[in-house]
Amino acid sequence: MDDADTPLVHTELTHRVLRVMHRRKECAIEELMQECSSYAWNQVLLEIDRLSRSGQLCLLYKKDGDYAVRLPRAA
């Protein structure tokens, strides 16, 4: 099964991440992890990865190995 066949799964963590991103528009991954501190860091990183692969978030390389996330721009 490829990514196109994978259904979008929305968990409580998904909703938390997307609520934060709608409010902040763009933030460092560390800031997003602080906003989701009731979850383990690896859960948050896996959710960011999943949402970026499904097109619901965009990862941005900043500098010195830092990354930020933002909502995708409207087409």
PDB file of N, CA and C in Angstrom:
ATOM      1  N   MET A   1       0.849  -1.171   0.000  1.00  0.00           N
ATOM      2  CA  MET A   1       0.000   0.000   0.000  1.00  0.00           C
ATOM      3  C   MET A   1       0.899   1.241   0.000  1.00  0.00           C
ATOM      4  N   ASP A   2       0.677   2.164  -0.927  1.00  0.00           N
ATOM      5  CA  ASP A   2       1.495   3.373  -0.956  1.00  0.00           C
ATOM      6  C   ASP A   2       0.785   4.505  -0.223  1.00  0.00           C
ATOM      7  N   ASP A   3       1.440   5.672  -0.128  1.00  0.00           N
ATOM      8  CA  ASP A   3       0.889   6.808   0.623  1.00  0.00           C
ATOM      9  C   ASP A   3      -0.453   7.275   0.086  1.00  0.00           C
ATOM     10  N   ALA A   4      -0.677   7.153  -1.229  1.00  0.00           N
ATOM     11  CA  ALA A   4      -1.941   7.594  -1.807  1.00  0.00           C
ATOM     12  C   ALA A   4      -3.111   6.740  -1.318  1.00  0.00           C
ATOM     13  N   ASP A   5      -2.825   5.488  -0.949  1.00  0.00           N
ATOM     14  CA  ASP A   5      -3.867   4.585  -0.478  1.00  0.00           C
ATOM     15  C   ASP A   5      -4.045   4.624   1.034  1.00  0.00           C
ATOM     16  N   THR A   6      -3.180   5.344   1.733  1.00  0.00           N
ATOM     17  CA  THR A   6      -3.233   5.395   3.181  1.00  0.00           C
ATOM     18  C   THR A   6      -4.289   6.401   3.619  1.00  0.00           C
ATOM     19  N   PRO A   7      -5.276   5.977   4.396  1.00  0.00           N
ATOM     20  CA  PRO A   7      -6.297   6.923   4.842  1.00  0.00           C
ATOM     21  C   PRO A   7      -5.720   7.914   5.846  1.00  0.00           C
ATOM     22  N   LEU A   8      -6.290   9.101   5.866  1.00  0.00           N
ATOM     23  CA  LEU A   8      -5.866  10.101   6.844  1.00  0.00           C
ATOM     24  C   LEU A   8      -6.411   9.701   8.204  1.00  0.00           C
ATOM     25  N   VAL A   9      -5.524   9.562   9.162  1.00  0.00           N
ATOM     26  CA  VAL A   9      -5.902   9.186  10.512  1.00  0.00           C
ATOM     27  C   VAL A   9      -5.784  10.426  11.374  1.00  0.00           C
ATOM     28  N   HIS A  10      -6.866  10.755  12.063  1.00  0.00           N
ATOM     29  CA  HIS A  10      -6.847  11.927  12.928  1.00  0.00           C
ATOM     30  C   HIS A  10      -7.011  11.472  14.372  1.00  0.00           C
ATOM     31  N   THR A  11      -5.957  11.639  15.120  1.00  0.00           N
ATOM     32  CA  THR A  11      -5.945  11.269  16.522  1.00  0.00           C
ATOM     33  C   THR A  11      -6.052  12.539  17.361  1.00  0.00           C
ATOM     34  N   GLU A  12      -6.096  12.360  18.665  1.00  0.00           N
ATOM     35  CA  GLU A  12      -6.097  13.512  19.566  1.00  0.00           C
ATOM     36  C   GLU A  12      -4.833  14.345  19.360  1.00  0.00           C
ATOM     37  N   LEU A  13      -3.696  13.678  19.160  1.00  0.00           N
ATOM     38  CA  LEU A  13      -2.448  14.387  18.913  1.00  0.00           C
ATOM     39  C   LEU A  13      -2.506  15.149  17.588  1.00  0.00           C
ATOM     40  N   THR A  14      -3.082  14.547  16.569  1.00  0.00           N
ATOM     41  CA  THR A  14      -3.245  15.228  15.281  1.00  0.00           C
ATOM     42  C   THR A  14      -4.000  16.533  15.476  1.00  0.00           C
ATOM     43  N   HIS A  15      -5.110  16.458  16.184  1.00  0.00           N
ATOM     44  CA  HIS A  15      -5.924  17.656  16.414  1.00  0.00           C
ATOM     45  C   HIS A  15      -5.152  18.702  17.210  1.00  0.00           C
ATOM     46  N   ARG A  16      -4.391  18.274  18.187  1.00  0.00           N
ATOM     47  CA  ARG A  16      -3.593  19.219  18.983  1.00  0.00           C
ATOM     48  C   ARG A  16      -2.578  19.930  18.104  1.00  0.00           C
ATOM     49  N   VAL A  17      -1.825  19.164  17.313  1.00  0.00           N
ATOM     50  CA  VAL A  17      -0.803  19.739  16.438  1.00  0.00           C
ATOM     51  C   VAL A  17      -1.440  20.728  15.460  1.00  0.00           C
ATOM     52  N   LEU A  18      -2.527  20.337  14.827  1.00  0.00           N
ATOM     53  CA  LEU A  18      -3.156  21.209  13.842  1.00  0.00           C
ATOM     54  C   LEU A  18      -3.762  22.456  14.481  1.00  0.00           C
ATOM     55  N   ARG A  19      -4.309  22.331  15.699  1.00  0.00           N
ATOM     56  CA  ARG A  19      -4.818  23.523  16.404  1.00  0.00           C
ATOM     57  C   ARG A  19      -3.690  24.507  16.682  1.00  0.00           C
ATOM     58  N   VAL A  20      -2.573  23.985  17.158  1.00  0.00           N
ATOM     59  CA  VAL A  20      -1.417  24.851  17.434  1.00  0.00           C
ATOM     60  C   VAL A  20      -0.971  25.533  16.148  1.00  0.00           C
ATOM     61  N   MET A  21      -0.886  24.794  15.064  1.00  0.00           N
ATOM     62  CA  MET A  21      -0.397  25.357  13.814  1.00  0.00           C
ATOM     63  C   MET A  21      -1.373  26.378  13.228  1.00  0.00           C
ATOM     64  N   HIS A  22      -2.660  26.178  13.391  1.00  0.00           N
ATOM     65  CA  HIS A  22      -3.621  27.177  12.910  1.00  0.00           C
ATOM     66  C   HIS A  22      -3.482  28.470  13.702  1.00  0.00           C
ATOM     67  N   ARG A  23      -3.123  28.346  14.962  1.00  0.00           N
ATOM     68  CA  ARG A  23      -2.946  29.524  15.809  1.00  0.00           C
ATOM     69  C   ARG A  23      -1.609  30.212  15.535  1.00  0.00           C
ATOM     70  N   ARG A  24      -0.539  29.444  15.315  1.00  0.00           N
ATOM     71  CA  ARG A  24       0.812  30.008  15.214  1.00  0.00           C
ATOM     72  C   ARG A  24       1.287  30.205  13.780  1.00  0.00           C
ATOM     73  N   LYS A  25       0.709  29.514  12.835  1.00  0.00           N
ATOM     74  CA  LYS A  25       1.073  29.563  11.408  1.00  0.00           C
ATOM     75  C   LYS A  25       2.438  28.947  11.116  1.00  0.00           C
ATOM     76  N   GLU A  26       3.467  29.307  11.869  1.00  0.00           N
ATOM     77  CA  GLU A  26       4.798  28.717  11.708  1.00  0.00           C
ATOM     78  C   GLU A  26       5.490  28.744  13.059  1.00  0.00           C
ATOM     79  N   CYS A  27       6.207  27.673  13.360  1.00  0.00           N
ATOM     80  CA  CYS A  27       6.965  27.652  14.610  1.00  0.00           C
ATOM     81  C   CYS A  27       8.070  26.609  14.517  1.00  0.00           C
ATOM     82  N   ALA A  28       9.054  26.756  15.391  1.00  0.00           N
ATOM     83  CA  ALA A  28      10.137  25.781  15.479  1.00  0.00           C
ATOM     84  C   ALA A  28       9.566  24.462  15.997  1.00  0.00           C
ATOM     85  N   ILE A  29      10.171  23.373  15.589  1.00  0.00           N
ATOM     86  CA  ILE A  29       9.716  22.062  16.051  1.00  0.00           C
ATOM     87  C   ILE A  29       9.754  21.998  17.579  1.00  0.00           C
ATOM     88  N   GLU A  30      10.774  22.574  18.179  1.00  0.00           N
ATOM     89  CA  GLU A  30      10.882  22.556  19.641  1.00  0.00           C
ATOM     90  C   GLU A  30       9.694  23.271  20.296  1.00  0.00           C
ATOM     91  N   GLU A  31       9.243  24.370  19.692  1.00  0.00           N
ATOM     92  CA  GLU A  31       8.081  25.094  20.224  1.00  0.00           C
ATOM     93  C   GLU A  31       6.813  24.253  20.107  1.00  0.00           C
ATOM     94  N   LEU A  32       6.662  23.573  18.987  1.00  0.00           N
ATOM     95  CA  LEU A  32       5.508  22.701  18.811  1.00  0.00           C
ATOM     96  C   LEU A  32       5.547  21.557  19.815  1.00  0.00           C
ATOM     97  N   MET A  33       6.731  21.026  20.067  1.00  0.00           N
ATOM     98  CA  MET A  33       6.854  19.949  21.044  1.00  0.00           C
ATOM     99  C   MET A  33       6.488  20.439  22.445  1.00  0.00           C
ATOM    100  N   GLN A  34       6.833  21.676  22.782  1.00  0.00           N
ATOM    101  CA  GLN A  34       6.436  22.245  24.081  1.00  0.00           C
ATOM    102  C   GLN A  34       4.921  22.382  24.177  1.00  0.00           C
ATOM    103  N   GLU A  35       4.299  22.763  23.074  1.00  0.00           N
ATOM    104  CA  GLU A  35       2.834  22.899  23.047  1.00  0.00           C
ATOM    105  C   GLU A  35       2.147  21.541  23.221  1.00  0.00           C
ATOM    106  N   CYS A  36       2.852  20.481  22.887  1.00  0.00           N
ATOM    107  CA  CYS A  36       2.307  19.119  22.969  1.00  0.00           C
ATOM    108  C   CYS A  36       3.036  18.324  24.048  1.00  0.00           C
ATOM    109  N   SER A  37       3.397  18.975  25.129  1.00  0.00           N
ATOM    110  CA  SER A  37       4.250  18.362  26.145  1.00  0.00           C
ATOM    111  C   SER A  37       3.600  17.207  26.900  1.00  0.00           C
ATOM    112  N   SER A  38       2.298  17.023  26.762  1.00  0.00           N
ATOM    113  CA  SER A  38       1.660  15.883  27.420  1.00  0.00           C
ATOM    114  C   SER A  38       1.920  14.580  26.646  1.00  0.00           C
ATOM    115  N   TYR A  39       2.570  14.690  25.485  1.00  0.00           N
ATOM    116  CA  TYR A  39       2.941  13.526  24.673  1.00  0.00           C
ATOM    117  C   TYR A  39       4.451  13.363  24.706  1.00  0.00           C
ATOM    118  N   ALA A  40       4.915  12.168  24.481  1.00  0.00           N
ATOM    119  CA  ALA A  40       6.350  11.901  24.396  1.00  0.00           C
ATOM    120  C   ALA A  40       6.915  12.570  23.142  1.00  0.00           C
ATOM    121  N   TRP A  41       8.177  12.987  23.203  1.00  0.00           N
ATOM    122  CA  TRP A  41       8.788  13.694  22.078  1.00  0.00           C
ATOM    123  C   TRP A  41       8.742  12.871  20.803  1.00  0.00           C
ATOM    124  N   ASN A  42       8.934  11.537  20.927  1.00  0.00           N
ATOM    125  CA  ASN A  42       8.937  10.706  19.727  1.00  0.00           C
ATOM    126  C   ASN A  42       7.547  10.605  19.104  1.00  0.00           C
ATOM    127  N   GLN A  43       6.493  10.654  19.922  1.00  0.00           N
ATOM    128  CA  GLN A  43       5.132  10.654  19.383  1.00  0.00           C
ATOM    129  C   GLN A  43       4.891  11.923  18.565  1.00  0.00           C
ATOM    130  N   VAL A  44       5.342  13.058  19.094  1.00  0.00           N
ATOM    131  CA  VAL A  44       5.143  14.329  18.402  1.00  0.00           C
ATOM    132  C   VAL A  44       5.938  14.350  17.091  1.00  0.00           C
ATOM    133  N   LEU A  45       7.181  13.895  17.138  1.00  0.00           N
ATOM    134  CA  LEU A  45       7.981  13.864  15.911  1.00  0.00           C
ATOM    135  C   LEU A  45       7.379  12.935  14.867  1.00  0.00           C
ATOM    136  N   LEU A  46       6.887  11.793  15.282  1.00  0.00           N
ATOM    137  CA  LEU A  46       6.242  10.878  14.334  1.00  0.00           C
ATOM    138  C   LEU A  46       4.982  11.502  13.730  1.00  0.00           C
ATOM    139  N   GLU A  47       4.246  12.247  14.538  1.00  0.00           N
ATOM    140  CA  GLU A  47       3.033  12.898  14.025  1.00  0.00           C
ATOM    141  C   GLU A  47       3.392  14.022  13.057  1.00  0.00           C
ATOM    142  N   ILE A  48       4.425  14.788  13.359  1.00  0.00           N
ATOM    143  CA  ILE A  48       4.883  15.827  12.432  1.00  0.00           C
ATOM    144  C   ILE A  48       5.294  15.191  11.110  1.00  0.00           C
ATOM    145  N   ASP A  49       6.027  14.094  11.180  1.00  0.00           N
ATOM    146  CA  ASP A  49       6.446  13.378   9.975  1.00  0.00           C
ATOM    147  C   ASP A  49       5.241  12.898   9.176  1.00  0.00           C
ATOM    148  N   ARG A  50       4.287  12.287   9.864  1.00  0.00           N
ATOM    149  CA  ARG A  50       3.096  11.772   9.175  1.00  0.00           C
ATOM    150  C   ARG A  50       2.306  12.899   8.518  1.00  0.00           C
ATOM    151  N   LEU A  51       2.133  14.002   9.244  1.00  0.00           N
ATOM    152  CA  LEU A  51       1.371  15.133   8.699  1.00  0.00           C
ATOM    153  C   LEU A  51       2.113  15.799   7.540  1.00  0.00           C
ATOM    154  N   SER A  52       3.432  15.825   7.593  1.00  0.00           N
ATOM    155  CA  SER A  52       4.175  16.416   6.480  1.00  0.00           C
ATOM    156  C   SER A  52       4.101  15.517   5.246  1.00  0.00           C
ATOM    157  N   ARG A  53       4.149  14.211   5.450  1.00  0.00           N
ATOM    158  CA  ARG A  53       4.049  13.282   4.312  1.00  0.00           C
ATOM    159  C   ARG A  53       2.666  13.302   3.669  1.00  0.00           C
ATOM    160  N   SER A  54       1.640  13.614   4.466  1.00  0.00           N
ATOM    161  CA  SER A  54       0.280  13.667   3.910  1.00  0.00           C
ATOM    162  C   SER A  54      -0.063  15.056   3.367  1.00  0.00           C
ATOM    163  N   GLY A  55       0.884  16.009   3.484  1.00  0.00           N
ATOM    164  CA  GLY A  55       0.659  17.340   2.932  1.00  0.00           C
ATOM    165  C   GLY A  55      -0.074  18.298   3.853  1.00  0.00           C
ATOM    166  N   GLN A  56      -0.284  17.899   5.105  1.00  0.00           N
ATOM    167  CA  GLN A  56      -1.013  18.758   6.042  1.00  0.00           C
ATOM    168  C   GLN A  56      -0.097  19.722   6.790  1.00  0.00           C
ATOM    169  N   LEU A  57       1.209  19.461   6.766  1.00  0.00           N
ATOM    170  CA  LEU A  57       2.221  20.348   7.343  1.00  0.00           C
ATOM    171  C   LEU A  57       3.403  20.401   6.390  1.00  0.00           C
ATOM    172  N   CYS A  58       4.154  21.485   6.465  1.00  0.00           N
ATOM    173  CA  CYS A  58       5.390  21.611   5.695  1.00  0.00           C
ATOM    174  C   CYS A  58       6.553  21.761   6.657  1.00  0.00           C
ATOM    175  N   LEU A  59       7.623  21.035   6.393  1.00  0.00           N
ATOM    176  CA  LEU A  59       8.855  21.172   7.164  1.00  0.00           C
ATOM    177  C   LEU A  59       9.745  22.191   6.473  1.00  0.00           C
ATOM    178  N   LEU A  60      10.349  23.062   7.263  1.00  0.00           N
ATOM    179  CA  LEU A  60      11.231  24.097   6.731  1.00  0.00           C
ATOM    180  C   LEU A  60      12.591  23.974   7.399  1.00  0.00           C
ATOM    181  N   TYR A  61      13.650  23.882   6.593  1.00  0.00           N
ATOM    182  CA  TYR A  61      14.994  23.880   7.150  1.00  0.00           C
ATOM    183  C   TYR A  61      15.372  25.323   7.427  1.00  0.00           C
ATOM    184  N   LYS A  62      15.795  25.593   8.636  1.00  0.00           N
ATOM    185  CA  LYS A  62      16.215  26.948   9.007  1.00  0.00           C
ATOM    186  C   LYS A  62      17.728  27.031   8.876  1.00  0.00           C
ATOM    187  N   LYS A  63      18.467  27.014   9.944  1.00  0.00           N
ATOM    188  CA  LYS A  63      19.922  27.024   9.879  1.00  0.00           C
ATOM    189  C   LYS A  63      20.471  26.181  11.010  1.00  0.00           C
ATOM    190  N   ASP A  64      21.686  25.790  10.872  1.00  0.00           N
ATOM    191  CA  ASP A  64      22.370  25.006  11.898  1.00  0.00           C
ATOM    192  C   ASP A  64      21.603  23.746  12.291  1.00  0.00           C
ATOM    193  N   GLY A  65      20.907  23.146  11.331  1.00  0.00           N
ATOM    194  CA  GLY A  65      20.189  21.907  11.597  1.00  0.00           C
ATOM    195  C   GLY A  65      18.837  22.076  12.265  1.00  0.00           C
ATOM    196  N   ASP A  66      18.375  23.309  12.404  1.00  0.00           N
ATOM    197  CA  ASP A  66      17.063  23.556  13.012  1.00  0.00           C
ATOM    198  C   ASP A  66      15.972  23.473  11.950  1.00  0.00           C
ATOM    199  N   TYR A  67      14.814  23.019  12.381  1.00  0.00           N
ATOM    200  CA  TYR A  67      13.665  22.924  11.487  1.00  0.00           C
ATOM    201  C   TYR A  67      12.478  23.625  12.110  1.00  0.00           C
ATOM    202  N   ALA A  68      11.609  24.111  11.248  1.00  0.00           N
ATOM    203  CA  ALA A  68      10.344  24.693  11.659  1.00  0.00           C
ATOM    204  C   ALA A  68       9.246  23.979  10.894  1.00  0.00           C
ATOM    205  N   VAL A  69       8.034  24.162  11.327  1.00  0.00           N
ATOM    206  CA  VAL A  69       6.884  23.615  10.627  1.00  0.00           C
ATOM    207  C   VAL A  69       5.909  24.745  10.361  1.00  0.00           C
ATOM    208  N   ARG A  70       5.154  24.597   9.295  1.00  0.00           N
ATOM    209  CA  ARG A  70       4.101  25.565   8.993  1.00  0.00           C
ATOM    210  C   ARG A  70       2.993  24.842   8.250  1.00  0.00           C
ATOM    211  N   LEU A  71       1.866  25.491   8.194  1.00  0.00           N
ATOM    212  CA  LEU A  71       0.768  24.964   7.393  1.00  0.00           C
ATOM    213  C   LEU A  71       1.100  25.178   5.924  1.00  0.00           C
ATOM    214  N   PRO A  72       0.637  24.303   5.046  1.00  0.00           N
ATOM    215  CA  PRO A  72       0.909  24.513   3.613  1.00  0.00           C
ATOM    216  C   PRO A  72       0.186  25.760   3.114  1.00  0.00           C
ATOM    217  N   ARG A  73       0.770  26.390   2.152  1.00  0.00           N
ATOM    218  CA  ARG A  73       0.126  27.573   1.560  1.00  0.00           C
ATOM    219  C   ARG A  73      -1.060  27.113   0.719  1.00  0.00           C
ATOM    220  N   ALA A  74      -2.095  27.949   0.701  1.00  0.00           N
ATOM    221  CA  ALA A  74      -3.283  27.637  -0.111  1.00  0.00           C
ATOM    222  C   ALA A  74      -2.908  27.673  -1.586  1.00  0.00           C
ATOM    223  N   ALA A  75      -3.450  26.740  -2.323  1.00  0.00           N
ATOM    224  CA  ALA A  75      -3.141  26.657  -3.763  1.00  0.00           C
ATOM    225  C   ALA A  75      -3.876  27.708  -4.552  1.00  0.00           C
TER     226      ALA A  75
END
